[in-house]
Amino acid sequence: MPSPAGRRGIGGLLTLVLLLTPLPAAASSEAIPLTELGPGTSQAGPGTSQAGTQVGPDTFQSGTTVVAAQQIGRFFDGGASGIAYATSSDNGATWTRGVLPGLTTSGGGAYGRVSDPSVAYDARHGVWLISSLALTDRDGVTGAAVLTSRSSDGGLTWGDPVTTAVAGGGDLDKSWVVCDNGARSPYYGRCYAVYDDVAAGNAIKVARSSDGGLTWAETGTSATGLGGQPVVRPNGALVVPYLSGEGQIRSLRSGDGGQSWGRSVLVATVQRHRVAGGLRAAPLPSAEVDAAGTVYVAWSDCRFQLSCGGNDIVMSTSATGAEWSHILRVTNDGGDHFIPGLGVDPAAAGETARLALAYYRYPSAACTVATCRLTVGYTSSANGGASWSPPVELHGPMELGWLADSAQGRMAGDYLSTSVVPGGNAHVAFTAAAAPAGGAFDMRTYTVTGGLPIIGGGRPTLAIEAPIAAGEDLPGPPAPAR
């Protein structure tokens, strides 16, 4: 396992992945056909909710069904007025859209706000799940509960949510849900929700359900951090990459269906270039697993750019979640890349594993609030990440003033998402913005119509030993990101 790099100066030797030929600049987004996933209304929520804002989508794919969920009506100090969903039963050809019932007071629920939707499918029970973080706003915004909305008709209609976890005096953040769909797994049909408790030093907790998300039991872990993204290997082992308070990507594992947890292991120390323009863009991980159980985790990191002048999307892999590979550079077209959404074909593995990656990007990393222009990029690999296709610009450019405002800066969302149809196209979901009009923002969630192909990147990359660049000192434990 590579040793962590120092905080300042030149770090230790790591495997630097250099392309044999530089990648070209991203192709233009003008010819990319987009389909809107949002509910098509301004979504002006109660109080100070920002009308016309949709952020932070997640997606999941199973069979011919793709389900997406995103926040609508963002508040400046955290959370949103609701969660919208979009469901396609024909691999993205057509979509049914709506707003989840029973979450917030504006939709008949008990909570003032909601955030952080994530999507999963429980194949054993035939139930789609959307997990979300319920927030109270009476004495400051706090994470009161993790909720699970359920659909038993293929994601077309949704019932009122069940309670997955309650804060009990704590302050929950960054919930994420996954289900064990491995037919040979001893825990087939068990679903897991991972979240952290800010009030307990970002202690990471895991709830599990074996009845299609109707009831849940909570287990603590010894880890602290933010943004845990659980994946389940075919043998039932659960692996949770997350961002630690020390600025490291680390990984937790459970081999007994989430009932007990070992100590976390280091994936890598993040080399961080602060994203310009005050944009909210923490280096949270995006994780997926292939058919053989190899775990892939991607995040933003500046180690491969001169003097850490901008972030790339980088990746590490692990056969079990216990030991992790050297860091691989995914993007190599200059500028600043952040907020990755990684997708992996669940039916492929090894040297033929099919990977797809969407991300946000500044063409110039050294921009200002006035000059930064946000774009959405995409690249793919047909050989397990050994090489990647030339980048494609899916949308942009966008001015920062078009984005929702938050206490942590302008935001397009903490997440975007990519899901891959086995042997088929990748479906991405991202937020795009146009100039505000009529007192409302114009931020919408889109997917690429028909999906995007997964292609190779030519010859594999050449790995050589070289010094890495070291990034900025992190400001301390990650702040709540709701």
Protein backbone atom coordinates (compact mmCIF):
# COMPACT_ATOMS: atom_id res chain seq x y z
CA MET A 1 0.00 0.00 0.00
CA PRO A 2 1.39 3.44 -0.82
CA SER A 3 2.41 5.64 2.05
CA PRO A 4 0.50 8.91 2.53
CA ALA A 5 2.09 12.02 1.12
CA GLY A 6 3.11 14.91 3.32
CA ARG A 7 0.97 17.98 3.66
CA ARG A 8 3.53 20.42 2.26
CA GLY A 9 6.30 20.32 -0.31
CA ILE A 10 6.87 17.25 -2.47
CA GLY A 11 5.35 14.05 -1.16
CA GLY A 12 6.65 10.51 -1.33
CA LEU A 13 6.96 8.44 -4.46
CA LEU A 14 3.72 7.09 -5.84
CA THR A 15 2.77 5.60 -9.16
CA LEU A 16 2.12 8.50 -11.49
CA VAL A 17 0.00 7.53 -14.45
CA LEU A 18 1.17 9.33 -17.60
CA LEU A 19 -0.69 9.02 -20.85
CA LEU A 20 1.40 8.05 -23.82
CA THR A 21 -0.28 10.93 -25.69
CA PRO A 22 -2.12 13.85 -24.12
CA LEU A 23 -5.88 13.79 -24.16
CA PRO A 24 -7.56 16.37 -26.40
CA ALA A 25 -9.77 19.07 -25.02
CA ALA A 26 -13.35 18.05 -24.30
CA ALA A 27 -15.65 17.87 -27.29
CA SER A 28 -18.37 20.53 -27.49
CA SER A 29 -21.70 20.02 -25.70
CA GLU A 30 -23.72 21.61 -28.52
CA ALA A 31 -24.73 18.26 -30.07
CA ILE A 32 -25.55 16.46 -26.79
CA PRO A 33 -29.34 15.83 -26.53
CA LEU A 34 -30.63 16.19 -22.96
CA THR A 35 -33.79 15.03 -21.17
CA GLU A 36 -34.98 16.88 -18.08
CA LEU A 37 -35.50 14.71 -14.99
CA GLY A 38 -37.04 17.32 -12.69
CA PRO A 39 -40.78 17.78 -12.06
CA GLY A 40 -40.93 20.87 -14.29
CA THR A 41 -42.12 23.41 -11.71
CA SER A 42 -40.31 26.24 -9.95
CA GLN A 43 -40.56 24.39 -6.60
CA ALA A 44 -40.70 27.49 -4.43
CA GLY A 45 -40.62 26.03 -0.96
CA PRO A 46 -41.61 27.57 2.36
CA GLY A 47 -39.74 30.44 3.98
CA THR A 48 -36.37 31.17 2.40
CA SER A 49 -36.27 28.25 -0.03
CA GLN A 50 -34.66 29.25 -3.33
CA ALA A 51 -37.22 28.79 -6.11
CA GLY A 52 -36.13 26.99 -9.24
CA THR A 53 -33.25 25.01 -7.70
CA GLN A 54 -32.62 21.30 -8.26
CA VAL A 55 -29.34 19.79 -7.03
CA GLY A 56 -27.55 16.61 -5.96
CA PRO A 57 -29.04 13.80 -8.09
CA ASP A 58 -28.46 10.09 -7.58
CA THR A 59 -29.48 7.21 -9.85
CA PHE A 60 -29.71 3.42 -9.81
CA GLN A 61 -30.34 0.93 -12.61
CA SER A 62 -31.83 -2.57 -12.47
CA GLY A 63 -33.18 -4.56 -15.41
CA THR A 64 -34.69 -2.00 -17.78
CA THR A 65 -35.54 0.44 -14.98
CA VAL A 66 -33.58 3.56 -14.03
CA VAL A 67 -34.63 5.67 -11.04
CA ALA A 68 -33.26 9.14 -10.27
CA ALA A 69 -33.83 11.41 -7.26
CA GLN A 70 -32.74 14.97 -6.51
CA GLN A 71 -33.35 17.86 -4.11
CA ILE A 72 -35.77 20.64 -5.10
CA GLY A 73 -36.05 24.09 -3.54
CA ARG A 74 -32.71 24.55 -1.77
CA PHE A 75 -32.37 26.63 1.41
CA PHE A 76 -29.29 28.82 1.92
CA ASP A 77 -28.47 27.29 5.32
CA GLY A 78 -29.05 23.66 4.33
CA GLY A 79 -31.57 21.22 2.94
CA ALA A 80 -34.40 21.54 0.47
CA SER A 81 -38.18 21.72 0.44
CA GLY A 82 -38.58 18.30 -1.17
CA ILE A 83 -37.16 15.35 -3.11
CA ALA A 84 -38.23 14.77 -6.72
CA TYR A 85 -37.95 11.44 -8.52
CA ALA A 86 -37.87 10.36 -12.15
CA THR A 87 -38.36 6.75 -13.27
CA SER A 88 -37.77 5.13 -16.64
CA SER A 89 -38.98 1.58 -17.28
CA ASP A 90 -37.40 1.40 -20.74
CA ASN A 91 -33.71 2.16 -20.14
CA GLY A 92 -34.12 5.92 -20.33
CA ALA A 93 -36.37 6.24 -23.38
CA THR A 94 -39.32 7.70 -21.42
CA TRP A 95 -39.67 9.01 -17.86
CA THR A 96 -42.33 9.35 -15.17
CA ARG A 97 -41.71 12.27 -12.78
CA GLY A 98 -43.02 13.32 -9.40
CA VAL A 99 -42.26 14.50 -5.87
CA LEU A 100 -41.93 12.07 -2.95
CA PRO A 101 -44.82 12.40 -0.48
CA GLY A 102 -44.68 12.68 3.29
CA LEU A 103 -41.16 14.02 3.73
CA THR A 104 -41.50 17.73 4.59
CA THR A 105 -44.32 19.92 5.84
CA SER A 106 -44.80 21.27 2.31
CA GLY A 107 -45.59 17.70 1.18
CA GLY A 108 -47.59 16.44 4.17
CA GLY A 109 -44.60 15.30 6.22
CA ALA A 110 -43.26 16.09 9.67
CA TYR A 111 -39.95 17.77 8.86
CA GLY A 112 -39.03 21.28 7.77
CA ARG A 113 -36.46 20.24 5.18
CA VAL A 114 -34.87 17.25 3.47
CA SER A 115 -31.56 16.54 1.73
CA ASP A 116 -29.12 13.95 0.34
CA PRO A 117 -31.32 11.54 -1.65
CA SER A 118 -29.83 8.22 -2.77
CA VAL A 119 -31.44 5.37 -4.71
CA ALA A 120 -31.25 1.58 -4.37
CA TYR A 121 -33.15 -1.51 -5.50
CA ASP A 122 -33.88 -4.56 -3.37
CA ALA A 123 -34.15 -7.41 -5.89
CA ARG A 124 -35.22 -10.04 -3.36
CA HIS A 125 -38.26 -8.05 -2.22
CA GLY A 126 -38.89 -6.23 -5.51
CA VAL A 127 -38.79 -2.82 -3.84
CA TRP A 128 -37.18 0.45 -4.93
CA LEU A 129 -35.81 2.64 -2.14
CA ILE A 130 -34.94 6.33 -1.94
CA SER A 131 -33.12 7.30 1.24
CA SER A 132 -33.08 10.93 2.36
CA LEU A 133 -31.93 13.03 5.29
CA ALA A 134 -34.72 14.78 7.22
CA LEU A 135 -33.79 18.13 8.77
CA THR A 136 -35.36 20.31 11.45
CA ASP A 137 -34.98 24.09 11.28
CA ARG A 138 -36.38 25.35 14.57
CA ASP A 139 -33.11 26.09 16.44
CA GLY A 140 -30.66 25.91 13.57
CA VAL A 141 -30.62 23.27 10.88
CA THR A 142 -29.92 19.79 12.25
CA GLY A 143 -30.17 16.29 10.83
CA ALA A 144 -33.10 14.76 12.68
CA ALA A 145 -33.60 11.43 10.91
CA VAL A 146 -32.82 9.22 7.95
CA LEU A 147 -35.99 8.34 6.02
CA THR A 148 -36.66 5.67 3.40
CA SER A 149 -39.32 6.07 0.71
CA ARG A 150 -40.47 2.77 -0.89
CA SER A 151 -41.99 1.79 -4.23
CA SER A 152 -43.26 -1.70 -5.05
CA ASP A 153 -44.45 -0.90 -8.59
CA GLY A 154 -41.15 -0.30 -10.33
CA GLY A 155 -40.57 3.22 -9.03
CA LEU A 156 -43.73 4.67 -10.59
CA THR A 157 -45.49 5.54 -7.30
CA TRP A 158 -44.12 6.04 -3.80
CA GLY A 159 -45.60 5.80 -0.31
CA ASP A 160 -44.96 7.87 2.77
CA PRO A 161 -41.46 7.22 4.17
CA VAL A 162 -40.48 4.89 6.99
CA THR A 163 -37.95 5.95 9.60
CA THR A 164 -34.53 4.36 9.14
CA ALA A 165 -32.70 6.15 11.97
CA VAL A 166 -33.36 9.02 14.37
CA ALA A 167 -30.79 11.46 15.69
CA GLY A 168 -31.79 11.05 19.36
CA GLY A 169 -30.10 14.31 20.30
CA GLY A 170 -27.46 13.95 17.59
CA ASP A 171 -27.12 15.65 14.22
CA LEU A 172 -27.13 13.29 11.25
CA ASP A 173 -25.60 13.96 7.82
CA LYS A 174 -24.86 12.42 4.40
CA SER A 175 -27.05 9.32 4.31
CA TRP A 176 -26.54 6.75 1.52
CA VAL A 177 -28.40 3.49 0.78
CA VAL A 178 -27.42 0.23 -0.97
CA CYS A 179 -28.92 -3.28 -1.18
CA ASP A 180 -27.32 -6.71 -1.45
CA ASN A 181 -28.58 -8.15 -4.74
CA GLY A 182 -26.08 -10.99 -4.97
CA ALA A 183 -28.06 -14.19 -5.43
CA ARG A 184 -25.24 -16.22 -3.83
CA SER A 185 -24.69 -13.84 -0.94
CA PRO A 186 -25.70 -15.10 2.53
CA TYR A 187 -27.25 -11.66 3.05
CA TYR A 188 -29.19 -11.47 -0.21
CA GLY A 189 -32.02 -8.98 0.24
CA ARG A 190 -30.40 -7.01 3.06
CA CYS A 191 -30.18 -3.23 2.58
CA TYR A 192 -27.87 -0.80 4.32
CA ALA A 193 -28.01 2.93 5.05
CA VAL A 194 -24.76 4.68 6.00
CA TYR A 195 -24.68 8.13 7.63
CA ASP A 196 -22.64 10.10 10.16
CA ASP A 197 -23.49 11.89 13.40
CA VAL A 198 -21.98 15.39 13.43
CA ALA A 199 -22.73 15.81 17.14
CA ALA A 200 -20.64 12.70 17.90
CA GLY A 201 -17.57 13.85 15.98
CA ASN A 202 -18.86 12.60 12.62
CA ALA A 203 -19.18 9.04 13.95
CA ILE A 204 -20.17 6.77 11.05
CA LYS A 205 -23.21 4.58 11.67
CA VAL A 206 -24.93 1.91 9.61
CA ALA A 207 -28.57 0.79 9.65
CA ARG A 208 -29.64 -2.49 8.06
CA SER A 209 -32.95 -3.91 6.89
CA SER A 210 -33.91 -7.44 5.80
CA ASP A 211 -37.58 -6.81 4.96
CA GLY A 212 -37.50 -4.48 1.98
CA GLY A 213 -36.79 -1.34 4.01
CA LEU A 214 -39.78 -1.60 6.37
CA THR A 215 -37.74 -1.90 9.58
CA TRP A 216 -34.14 -1.02 10.38
CA ALA A 217 -31.54 -1.79 13.07
CA GLU A 218 -28.55 0.50 13.73
CA THR A 219 -24.92 -0.46 14.36
CA GLY A 220 -22.06 1.88 15.26
CA THR A 221 -18.54 1.75 13.85
CA SER A 222 -15.17 2.95 15.12
CA ALA A 223 -14.73 5.32 12.16
CA THR A 224 -15.38 9.05 11.89
CA GLY A 225 -15.85 10.94 8.64
CA LEU A 226 -18.25 12.14 6.00
CA GLY A 227 -19.81 10.94 2.76
CA GLY A 228 -19.63 7.16 3.20
CA GLN A 229 -20.73 5.34 0.03
CA PRO A 230 -21.44 1.65 0.71
CA VAL A 231 -21.05 -1.05 -1.93
CA VAL A 232 -21.76 -4.77 -1.59
CA ARG A 233 -19.45 -7.40 -3.06
CA PRO A 234 -20.95 -10.59 -4.57
CA ASN A 235 -20.02 -12.60 -1.46
CA GLY A 236 -22.03 -10.24 0.74
CA ALA A 237 -19.08 -8.30 2.16
CA LEU A 238 -19.88 -4.62 2.66
CA VAL A 239 -17.25 -1.96 1.84
CA VAL A 240 -17.71 1.73 2.71
CA PRO A 241 -15.22 4.29 1.34
CA TYR A 242 -15.53 7.71 3.03
CA LEU A 243 -13.72 11.03 3.62
CA SER A 244 -12.07 11.20 7.05
CA GLY A 245 -11.56 14.29 9.18
CA GLU A 246 -7.84 14.04 8.46
CA GLY A 247 -8.38 14.55 4.73
CA GLN A 248 -7.99 10.89 3.82
CA ILE A 249 -10.10 8.55 1.74
CA ARG A 250 -10.53 5.53 3.99
CA SER A 251 -12.50 2.30 3.80
CA LEU A 252 -14.60 0.32 6.31
CA ARG A 253 -15.53 -3.35 5.93
CA SER A 254 -18.10 -5.76 7.35
CA GLY A 255 -18.17 -9.48 6.59
CA ASP A 256 -21.27 -10.38 8.60
CA GLY A 257 -24.02 -8.36 7.02
CA GLY A 258 -23.31 -5.08 8.79
CA GLN A 259 -23.57 -6.45 12.31
CA SER A 260 -19.92 -5.73 13.14
CA TRP A 261 -17.14 -3.64 11.62
CA GLY A 262 -13.35 -3.81 11.51
CA ARG A 263 -11.00 -0.87 11.73
CA SER A 264 -10.83 1.37 8.71
CA VAL A 265 -7.93 1.23 6.26
CA LEU A 266 -6.25 3.98 4.26
CA VAL A 267 -7.04 4.33 0.58
CA ALA A 268 -5.10 7.58 0.05
CA THR A 269 -4.41 10.97 1.55
CA VAL A 270 -6.22 13.56 -0.54
CA GLN A 271 -4.02 16.16 -2.20
CA ARG A 272 -6.42 19.07 -2.29
CA HIS A 273 -6.62 22.11 -4.53
CA ARG A 274 -9.33 24.41 -3.25
CA VAL A 275 -11.89 24.90 -6.03
CA ALA A 276 -11.94 28.53 -7.18
CA GLY A 277 -14.85 30.94 -6.92
CA GLY A 278 -15.93 29.73 -3.50
CA LEU A 279 -17.81 26.80 -5.08
CA ARG A 280 -18.97 24.13 -2.64
CA ALA A 281 -16.99 21.06 -3.75
CA ALA A 282 -15.67 18.76 -1.01
CA PRO A 283 -13.52 15.79 -2.18
CA LEU A 284 -16.18 13.22 -1.29
CA PRO A 285 -15.67 9.74 -2.77
CA SER A 286 -17.80 8.03 -5.39
CA ALA A 287 -17.73 4.23 -5.16
CA GLU A 288 -18.93 1.25 -7.22
CA VAL A 289 -18.28 -2.50 -7.52
CA ASP A 290 -17.97 -4.84 -10.53
CA ALA A 291 -19.17 -8.40 -11.11
CA ALA A 292 -16.06 -9.94 -9.54
CA GLY A 293 -16.29 -7.80 -6.40
CA THR A 294 -13.53 -5.32 -7.26
CA VAL A 295 -14.31 -2.00 -5.59
CA TYR A 296 -13.59 1.26 -7.42
CA VAL A 297 -13.46 4.62 -5.64
CA ALA A 298 -12.97 8.00 -7.35
CA TRP A 299 -12.42 11.49 -5.91
CA SER A 300 -10.93 14.87 -6.85
CA ASP A 301 -7.18 15.26 -6.25
CA CYS A 302 -4.45 17.62 -7.47
CA ARG A 303 -1.35 15.39 -7.17
CA PHE A 304 -0.84 15.01 -10.94
CA GLN A 305 -0.94 18.70 -11.86
CA LEU A 306 2.05 21.02 -11.64
CA SER A 307 2.25 22.50 -8.12
CA CYS A 308 -1.22 21.09 -7.44
CA GLY A 309 -2.61 23.86 -9.63
CA GLY A 310 -5.89 22.03 -10.31
CA ASN A 311 -7.74 18.84 -9.47
CA ASP A 312 -8.13 15.76 -11.63
CA ILE A 313 -10.49 12.89 -10.95
CA VAL A 314 -8.38 10.01 -9.65
CA MET A 315 -9.24 6.43 -8.78
CA SER A 316 -8.09 3.52 -6.64
CA THR A 317 -9.26 -0.10 -6.74
CA SER A 318 -9.36 -3.00 -4.31
CA ALA A 319 -10.20 -6.68 -4.68
CA THR A 320 -11.57 -6.87 -1.13
CA GLY A 321 -11.60 -3.38 0.39
CA ALA A 322 -8.61 -4.25 2.59
CA GLU A 323 -5.71 -3.22 0.34
CA TRP A 324 -5.88 -0.54 -2.30
CA SER A 325 -4.03 0.10 -5.54
CA HIS A 326 -1.78 3.02 -6.40
CA ILE A 327 -3.67 6.11 -7.47
CA LEU A 328 -4.71 6.21 -11.14
CA ARG A 329 -5.25 9.47 -12.98
CA VAL A 330 -8.55 9.46 -14.87
CA THR A 331 -8.82 12.99 -16.30
CA ASN A 332 -5.86 14.56 -18.08
CA ASP A 333 -7.17 17.54 -20.04
CA GLY A 334 -6.16 20.44 -17.77
CA GLY A 335 -8.38 22.71 -15.73
CA ASP A 336 -10.06 21.72 -12.48
CA HIS A 337 -12.24 18.60 -12.08
CA PHE A 338 -14.44 17.82 -9.07
CA ILE A 339 -17.61 16.10 -7.76
CA PRO A 340 -17.25 12.77 -9.62
CA GLY A 341 -20.09 10.36 -10.28
CA LEU A 342 -18.65 6.92 -11.05
CA GLY A 343 -20.62 4.11 -12.68
CA VAL A 344 -19.54 0.48 -13.24
CA ASP A 345 -21.19 -2.21 -15.35
CA PRO A 346 -22.42 -4.76 -12.75
CA ALA A 347 -22.07 -7.62 -15.26
CA ALA A 348 -18.43 -7.04 -16.31
CA ALA A 349 -15.15 -7.42 -14.44
CA GLY A 350 -11.37 -7.41 -14.61
CA GLU A 351 -9.65 -6.27 -17.79
CA THR A 352 -13.03 -5.92 -19.51
CA ALA A 353 -14.72 -3.99 -16.71
CA ARG A 354 -16.78 -1.13 -18.14
CA LEU A 355 -16.54 2.18 -16.26
CA ALA A 356 -18.22 5.53 -16.85
CA LEU A 357 -17.51 8.82 -15.10
CA ALA A 358 -19.31 12.16 -15.05
CA TYR A 359 -17.92 15.21 -13.25
CA TYR A 360 -17.95 19.00 -13.05
CA ARG A 361 -15.03 20.99 -14.46
CA TYR A 362 -13.60 24.48 -14.77
CA PRO A 363 -11.62 24.85 -18.02
CA SER A 364 -9.34 27.20 -16.06
CA ALA A 365 -8.51 26.31 -12.47
CA ALA A 366 -7.22 29.82 -11.68
CA CYS A 367 -10.53 31.62 -12.26
CA THR A 368 -12.49 34.02 -10.05
CA VAL A 369 -16.12 34.38 -8.99
CA ALA A 370 -16.65 36.59 -12.03
CA THR A 371 -14.74 34.47 -14.55
CA CYS A 372 -15.24 30.83 -13.46
CA ARG A 373 -17.31 28.84 -15.93
CA LEU A 374 -18.70 25.48 -14.82
CA THR A 375 -19.05 22.62 -17.31
CA VAL A 376 -20.12 18.96 -17.07
CA GLY A 377 -17.73 16.33 -18.44
CA TYR A 378 -17.87 12.62 -19.22
CA THR A 379 -15.32 9.90 -19.96
CA SER A 380 -15.40 6.09 -20.03
CA SER A 381 -13.18 3.01 -19.96
CA ALA A 382 -13.72 -0.44 -21.46
CA ASN A 383 -10.62 -2.01 -19.88
CA GLY A 384 -11.11 -1.66 -16.12
CA GLY A 385 -9.73 1.88 -15.96
CA ALA A 386 -6.39 1.16 -17.64
CA SER A 387 -7.20 3.88 -20.18
CA TRP A 388 -10.03 6.34 -20.71
CA SER A 389 -11.84 7.81 -23.70
CA PRO A 390 -11.35 11.44 -24.73
CA PRO A 391 -13.56 13.66 -22.55
CA VAL A 392 -16.92 14.89 -23.77
CA GLU A 393 -18.48 18.11 -22.52
CA LEU A 394 -22.13 17.37 -21.74
CA HIS A 395 -23.19 20.90 -20.78
CA GLY A 396 -21.84 24.36 -20.15
CA PRO A 397 -20.48 26.87 -19.63
CA MET A 398 -22.41 28.08 -16.55
CA GLU A 399 -21.76 31.21 -14.48
CA LEU A 400 -21.46 30.78 -10.71
CA GLY A 401 -24.17 33.36 -10.11
CA TRP A 402 -26.66 31.02 -11.78
CA LEU A 403 -26.18 28.40 -9.04
CA ALA A 404 -28.02 28.02 -5.74
CA ASP A 405 -26.37 29.85 -2.86
CA SER A 406 -25.44 28.14 0.39
CA ALA A 407 -23.57 28.85 3.61
CA GLN A 408 -20.63 26.97 2.08
CA GLY A 409 -20.67 28.77 -1.28
CA ARG A 410 -22.49 28.46 -4.57
CA MET A 411 -23.44 24.86 -5.27
CA ALA A 412 -24.41 22.59 -8.12
CA GLY A 413 -24.84 19.86 -5.51
CA ASP A 414 -22.56 17.57 -3.54
CA TYR A 415 -23.20 14.72 -5.98
CA LEU A 416 -23.94 13.83 -9.56
CA SER A 417 -24.51 10.26 -10.67
CA THR A 418 -23.77 7.61 -13.30
CA SER A 419 -25.48 4.21 -13.66
CA VAL A 420 -24.50 1.63 -16.29
CA VAL A 421 -26.84 -0.80 -18.05
CA PRO A 422 -25.17 -4.25 -18.22
CA GLY A 423 -23.56 -4.42 -21.66
CA GLY A 424 -25.24 -1.12 -22.58
CA ASN A 425 -25.05 2.63 -22.18
CA ALA A 426 -24.30 4.78 -19.16
CA HIS A 427 -27.03 7.02 -17.74
CA VAL A 428 -25.77 10.16 -16.07
CA ALA A 429 -27.73 12.68 -13.99
CA PHE A 430 -26.40 16.17 -13.35
CA THR A 431 -27.53 19.67 -12.46
CA ALA A 432 -27.28 22.40 -15.10
CA ALA A 433 -28.15 26.07 -14.73
CA ALA A 434 -29.20 28.98 -16.92
CA ALA A 435 -29.46 32.65 -16.03
CA PRO A 436 -32.08 33.36 -13.32
CA ALA A 437 -35.28 35.02 -14.49
CA GLY A 438 -38.36 36.43 -12.80
CA GLY A 439 -36.87 36.22 -9.32
CA ALA A 440 -36.19 32.48 -9.54
CA PHE A 441 -33.20 30.33 -10.37
CA ASP A 442 -33.22 28.09 -13.43
CA MET A 443 -31.39 25.00 -12.15
CA ARG A 444 -32.60 21.70 -13.59
CA THR A 445 -31.57 18.07 -13.46
CA TYR A 446 -30.81 16.38 -16.78
CA THR A 447 -29.75 13.09 -18.27
CA VAL A 448 -28.35 12.47 -21.73
CA THR A 449 -31.16 11.24 -23.95
CA GLY A 450 -30.68 7.54 -24.65
CA GLY A 451 -27.56 7.30 -22.48
CA LEU A 452 -23.88 7.49 -23.37
CA PRO A 453 -21.70 4.76 -24.89
CA ILE A 454 -18.79 3.24 -22.98
CA ILE A 455 -15.71 3.11 -25.17
CA GLY A 456 -12.05 2.46 -24.64
CA GLY A 457 -9.26 4.97 -24.54
CA GLY A 458 -6.78 3.49 -26.97
CA ARG A 459 -3.56 2.05 -25.63
CA PRO A 460 -3.31 1.48 -21.88
CA THR A 461 -1.62 4.18 -19.85
CA LEU A 462 2.03 3.87 -18.85
CA ALA A 463 2.73 3.89 -15.11
CA ILE A 464 6.11 5.16 -13.86
CA GLU A 465 7.43 6.16 -10.46
CA ALA A 466 7.56 9.94 -10.02
CA PRO A 467 7.11 12.50 -7.22
CA ILE A 468 3.59 13.72 -6.60
CA ALA A 469 2.55 17.29 -5.94
CA ALA A 470 1.23 18.07 -2.46
CA GLY A 471 -1.95 20.05 -1.97
CA GLU A 472 -3.21 22.55 0.55
CA ASP A 473 -3.54 21.91 4.24
CA LEU A 474 -7.12 20.92 4.99
CA PRO A 475 -8.98 23.33 7.27
CA GLY A 476 -9.90 20.64 9.80
CA PRO A 477 -12.70 18.08 10.14
CA PRO A 478 -15.25 18.30 7.32
CA ALA A 479 -18.16 20.61 8.01
CA PRO A 480 -21.72 19.28 7.73
CA ALA A 481 -22.75 19.26 4.07
CA ARG A 482 -26.53 19.09 3.92
